[in-house]
Amino acid sequence: MVTNVILDTNALLMPFEVRLNLDLAVREVLGDVHFIVPGPIIGELKRLEHKFAPAALELARRYEIIQTSSSGDASVLELAKSTGAYVLTNDKELRSKLRKAGIPVMYLRSGTHLVVDVR
């Protein structure tokens, strides 16, 4: 069975900030996965003044992009609820919102490995 994993802006920058192979790291934890990027995240990456934003944008385009009626964190929440997906993010505020909504969260611990929080 394939598990859906939604990537936010933070997750898309991760491979370049901490030299992490996103595909391999996520598959080690969850097995076969299908990555999804909320449409508004593409716009966020285009506007982001971060040295790795262009590389993160290129990475995002390798995955399925799904438009949402919300923007920012709300688009991640909306998509996670409608697809039953995990969300990969290191954004503490977003992780808190996801936990309250009962959505499983994957994040980078100690800058070295991914863990899943399914509270």
Protein backbone atom coordinates (compact mmCIF):
# COMPACT_ATOMS: atom_id res chain seq x y z
CA MET A 1 0.00 0.00 0.00
CA VAL A 2 1.26 3.46 -0.90
CA THR A 3 1.25 6.13 1.80
CA ASN A 4 0.61 9.75 0.83
CA VAL A 5 3.02 12.31 2.29
CA ILE A 6 2.40 16.04 1.99
CA LEU A 7 5.46 18.29 1.86
CA ASP A 8 5.40 21.88 3.07
CA THR A 9 7.92 24.61 2.23
CA ASN A 10 10.05 23.66 5.21
CA ALA A 11 10.23 20.00 4.12
CA LEU A 12 11.20 20.93 0.57
CA LEU A 13 14.13 23.00 1.88
CA MET A 14 15.30 20.20 4.21
CA PRO A 15 17.34 18.19 1.66
CA PHE A 16 19.45 21.24 0.86
CA GLU A 17 19.82 22.59 4.40
CA VAL A 18 20.83 19.32 6.08
CA ARG A 19 21.95 17.19 3.12
CA LEU A 20 19.14 14.67 3.44
CA ASN A 21 17.88 12.45 0.63
CA LEU A 22 14.19 13.09 1.19
CA ASP A 23 12.94 10.17 -0.90
CA LEU A 24 15.18 7.62 0.82
CA ALA A 25 14.70 9.00 4.34
CA VAL A 26 10.89 8.99 4.10
CA ARG A 27 10.79 5.53 2.49
CA GLU A 28 12.99 4.14 5.30
CA VAL A 29 10.29 5.13 7.78
CA LEU A 30 7.03 4.66 5.85
CA GLY A 31 7.83 2.27 2.98
CA ASP A 32 6.28 3.03 -0.41
CA VAL A 33 5.18 6.67 -0.54
CA HIS A 34 3.58 9.15 -2.91
CA PHE A 35 4.64 12.77 -2.35
CA ILE A 36 2.14 15.60 -2.69
CA VAL A 37 2.84 19.34 -2.68
CA PRO A 38 -0.05 21.77 -2.06
CA GLY A 39 -0.27 24.27 -4.96
CA PRO A 40 0.16 27.36 -2.74
CA ILE A 41 3.56 26.02 -1.60
CA ILE A 42 4.87 26.48 -5.17
CA GLY A 43 3.97 30.19 -4.98
CA GLU A 44 5.57 30.42 -1.55
CA LEU A 45 8.82 28.96 -2.88
CA LYS A 46 8.80 31.34 -5.86
CA ARG A 47 8.54 34.34 -3.50
CA LEU A 48 10.89 33.02 -0.82
CA GLU A 49 14.23 34.80 -0.52
CA HIS A 50 16.26 31.79 0.55
CA LYS A 51 19.42 30.55 -1.13
CA PHE A 52 17.91 27.07 -1.57
CA ALA A 53 14.44 28.20 -2.73
CA PRO A 54 15.16 27.63 -6.47
CA ALA A 55 16.43 24.09 -5.77
CA ALA A 56 13.44 23.36 -3.49
CA LEU A 57 11.08 24.60 -6.23
CA GLU A 58 12.72 22.27 -8.74
CA LEU A 59 12.35 19.38 -6.26
CA ALA A 60 8.68 20.23 -5.63
CA ARG A 61 7.93 20.01 -9.35
CA ARG A 62 9.03 16.36 -9.34
CA TYR A 63 6.04 15.50 -7.16
CA GLU A 64 2.28 15.69 -7.61
CA ILE A 65 1.03 19.25 -7.10
CA ILE A 66 -2.58 19.60 -5.94
CA GLN A 67 -4.37 22.95 -5.86
CA THR A 68 -6.26 23.87 -2.68
CA SER A 69 -8.77 26.54 -1.79
CA SER A 70 -6.58 27.64 1.15
CA SER A 71 -3.06 29.04 1.29
CA GLY A 72 -0.02 28.56 3.54
CA ASP A 73 -0.38 26.18 6.48
CA ALA A 74 -4.13 25.99 5.89
CA SER A 75 -3.49 24.44 2.46
CA VAL A 76 -1.37 21.71 4.08
CA LEU A 77 -4.10 21.02 6.66
CA GLU A 78 -6.84 21.01 4.01
CA LEU A 79 -4.99 18.55 1.81
CA ALA A 80 -3.99 16.29 4.72
CA LYS A 81 -7.61 16.05 5.86
CA SER A 82 -8.94 15.32 2.37
CA THR A 83 -6.28 12.72 1.46
CA GLY A 84 -5.58 11.10 4.85
CA ALA A 85 -1.88 11.79 4.25
CA TYR A 86 1.06 12.19 6.58
CA VAL A 87 2.63 15.65 6.63
CA LEU A 88 6.39 16.18 6.62
CA THR A 89 7.33 19.48 8.27
CA ASN A 90 9.64 20.92 10.90
CA ASP A 91 7.38 23.95 11.42
CA LYS A 92 6.48 23.73 15.13
CA GLU A 93 3.30 25.80 14.81
CA LEU A 94 2.03 23.69 11.89
CA ARG A 95 2.96 20.45 13.69
CA SER A 96 0.85 21.56 16.64
CA LYS A 97 -2.16 22.31 14.38
CA LEU A 98 -1.77 18.95 12.63
CA ARG A 99 -1.60 17.05 15.92
CA LYS A 100 -4.77 18.79 17.15
CA ALA A 101 -6.48 17.70 13.90
CA GLY A 102 -5.29 14.10 14.43
CA ILE A 103 -3.05 14.12 11.36
CA PRO A 104 0.17 12.05 11.52
CA VAL A 105 3.26 14.24 11.38
CA MET A 106 6.75 13.36 10.22
CA TYR A 107 9.65 15.62 11.16
CA LEU A 108 13.43 15.81 11.33
CA ARG A 109 14.85 15.00 14.75
CA SER A 110 18.34 16.12 15.78
CA GLY A 111 18.96 17.24 12.20
CA THR A 112 19.80 13.65 11.28
CA HIS A 113 16.74 11.40 10.96
CA LEU A 114 13.00 11.49 10.35
CA VAL A 115 10.49 10.37 12.96
CA VAL A 116 6.70 10.03 12.91
CA ASP A 117 4.41 11.46 15.56
CA VAL A 118 0.93 9.92 15.40
CA ARG A 119 -0.63 11.25 18.60
